[in-house]
């Protein structure tokens, strides 16, 4: 079953019919976008919490990544976005803090798994996650 895509920032009170985005919610894809420079389809995962903020954070990230891998590898991305069919796909984890020694082995394993299945994987630290805001809050992209 395809996962819904929503426009809502992590931590907001949900609008009717919307769920919060972010690592803590594996039921949705946070953002799907085409990278005009590389031609890749980028599936973003947002982590607004610092690493170690909750005990289950890496387990939550594992659940989220498994949902993303399934979304792509089971064909739901191509089904929901036929214009992106046959484009390379990259999963990008955007977080507010640099991953530490406790997170790196897990992220390296995720990158290896992605590569094995022909997907890209990256982690980016963002100082100000302005694009995480919902369009109705202003400043959304």
Protein backbone atom coordinates (compact mmCIF):
# COMPACT_ATOMS: atom_id res chain seq x y z
CA UNK A 1 0.00 0.00 0.00
CA UNK A 2 1.47 3.39 -0.94
CA UNK A 3 2.38 5.75 1.85
CA UNK A 4 0.70 9.15 1.86
CA UNK A 5 2.74 12.25 1.11
CA UNK A 6 1.86 15.27 3.20
CA UNK A 7 2.90 18.87 3.53
CA UNK A 8 3.35 19.41 7.24
CA UNK A 9 6.28 20.27 9.41
CA UNK A 10 7.42 17.97 12.20
CA UNK A 11 6.10 18.99 15.58
CA UNK A 12 3.06 20.89 14.31
CA UNK A 13 -0.44 20.12 15.40
CA UNK A 14 -1.85 18.18 12.50
CA UNK A 15 -4.43 19.74 10.25
CA UNK A 16 -7.41 17.46 9.68
CA UNK A 17 -6.33 14.56 7.49
CA UNK A 18 -2.61 15.16 7.94
CA UNK A 19 0.04 13.42 9.98
CA UNK A 20 3.29 14.79 11.31
CA UNK A 21 6.35 14.36 9.15
CA UNK A 22 9.70 13.19 10.47
CA UNK A 23 11.61 10.14 11.58
CA UNK A 24 9.12 9.42 14.37
CA UNK A 25 6.35 8.73 11.83
CA UNK A 26 7.11 5.84 9.46
CA UNK A 27 3.60 5.93 7.97
CA UNK A 28 4.32 8.79 5.57
CA UNK A 29 6.90 9.97 3.07
CA UNK A 30 8.08 13.38 4.25
CA UNK A 31 8.91 14.90 0.87
CA UNK A 32 9.37 13.80 -2.74
CA UNK A 33 11.20 16.18 -5.06
CA UNK A 34 13.10 16.12 -8.34
CA UNK A 35 16.64 17.47 -8.19
CA UNK A 36 16.98 19.64 -11.32
CA UNK A 37 20.79 19.48 -11.20
CA UNK A 38 21.18 15.69 -11.02
CA UNK A 39 17.85 14.50 -12.40
CA UNK A 40 17.44 12.29 -9.33
CA UNK A 41 14.22 11.83 -7.45
CA UNK A 42 14.99 12.73 -3.85
CA UNK A 43 12.93 11.31 -1.02
CA UNK A 44 13.63 13.36 2.07
CA UNK A 45 13.39 12.24 5.66
CA UNK A 46 13.29 14.98 8.28
CA UNK A 47 14.82 14.59 11.74
CA UNK A 48 14.12 17.75 13.74
CA UNK A 49 15.45 16.30 16.99
CA UNK A 50 19.10 16.16 18.05
CA UNK A 51 20.63 12.69 18.02
CA UNK A 52 20.00 10.85 21.27
CA UNK A 53 16.86 12.88 21.99
CA UNK A 54 14.84 9.69 22.52
CA UNK A 55 15.99 6.16 23.30
CA UNK A 56 14.24 4.65 20.27
CA UNK A 57 15.48 7.21 17.76
CA UNK A 58 17.57 4.78 15.68
CA UNK A 59 14.76 2.22 15.79
CA UNK A 60 12.39 4.91 14.55
CA UNK A 61 14.84 5.77 11.77
CA UNK A 62 15.11 2.09 10.86
CA UNK A 63 11.32 1.86 10.59
CA UNK A 64 11.21 5.02 8.48
CA UNK A 65 13.97 3.81 6.15
CA UNK A 66 12.32 0.42 5.74
CA UNK A 67 9.13 2.21 4.72
CA UNK A 68 11.05 4.35 2.21
CA UNK A 69 12.91 1.37 0.75
CA UNK A 70 9.63 -0.49 0.38
CA UNK A 71 7.96 2.53 -1.18
CA UNK A 72 10.60 2.67 -3.90
CA UNK A 73 11.49 -0.98 -4.38
CA UNK A 74 7.88 -2.19 -4.40
CA UNK A 75 7.00 0.28 -7.16
CA UNK A 76 4.77 2.71 -5.25
CA UNK A 77 6.94 5.74 -6.08
CA UNK A 78 6.59 4.99 -9.81
CA UNK A 79 2.88 4.35 -9.37
CA UNK A 80 2.21 7.65 -7.57
CA UNK A 81 4.70 9.64 -9.65
CA UNK A 82 4.82 8.12 -13.15
CA UNK A 83 6.85 11.12 -14.37
CA UNK A 84 9.71 9.89 -12.14
CA UNK A 85 9.71 6.34 -13.48
CA UNK A 86 13.21 5.21 -14.52
CA UNK A 87 14.94 8.12 -12.78
CA UNK A 88 17.65 7.43 -10.22
CA UNK A 89 16.41 7.69 -6.63
CA UNK A 90 18.23 9.06 -3.60
CA UNK A 91 17.01 9.00 -0.02
CA UNK A 92 18.23 12.03 1.90
CA UNK A 93 18.09 12.26 5.68
CA UNK A 94 18.04 15.91 6.75
CA UNK A 95 18.81 16.44 10.41
CA UNK A 96 19.45 19.41 12.68
CA UNK A 97 22.53 17.85 14.27
CA UNK A 98 25.54 16.05 12.84
CA UNK A 99 25.27 12.29 13.44
CA UNK A 100 27.67 11.09 16.12
CA UNK A 101 29.66 7.91 16.62
CA UNK A 102 26.54 6.13 17.84
CA UNK A 103 24.64 6.82 14.63
CA UNK A 104 27.37 6.45 12.01
CA UNK A 105 27.49 2.62 11.82
CA UNK A 106 23.72 2.48 11.31
CA UNK A 107 23.82 5.18 8.62
CA UNK A 108 26.71 3.43 6.86
CA UNK A 109 24.71 0.19 6.84
CA UNK A 110 21.70 2.05 5.42
CA UNK A 111 23.88 3.56 2.68
CA UNK A 112 25.28 0.12 1.85
CA UNK A 113 21.79 -1.39 1.66
CA UNK A 114 20.61 1.45 -0.57
CA UNK A 115 23.58 1.04 -2.90
CA UNK A 116 22.97 -2.72 -3.13
CA UNK A 117 19.50 -1.92 -4.46
CA UNK A 118 20.58 0.82 -6.87
CA UNK A 119 19.53 3.71 -4.65
CA UNK A 120 21.49 6.65 -3.37
CA UNK A 121 21.56 7.59 0.30
CA UNK A 122 22.87 10.68 2.02
CA UNK A 123 22.76 12.61 5.25
CA UNK A 124 22.70 16.38 5.40
CA UNK A 125 22.83 18.61 8.45
CA UNK A 126 20.70 21.70 8.06
CA UNK A 127 20.98 24.67 10.37
CA UNK A 128 17.55 26.10 9.62
CA UNK A 129 14.99 23.67 8.25
CA UNK A 130 12.75 26.33 6.69
CA UNK A 131 11.40 23.95 4.03
CA UNK A 132 10.03 21.68 6.77
CA UNK A 133 7.25 24.20 7.40
CA UNK A 134 3.87 23.57 5.94
CA UNK A 135 2.81 25.87 3.10
CA UNK A 136 -0.07 27.25 5.19
CA UNK A 137 2.46 28.34 7.85
CA UNK A 138 4.39 30.47 5.36
CA UNK A 139 7.92 29.98 4.14
CA UNK A 140 7.31 26.48 2.82
CA UNK A 141 8.85 25.43 -0.48
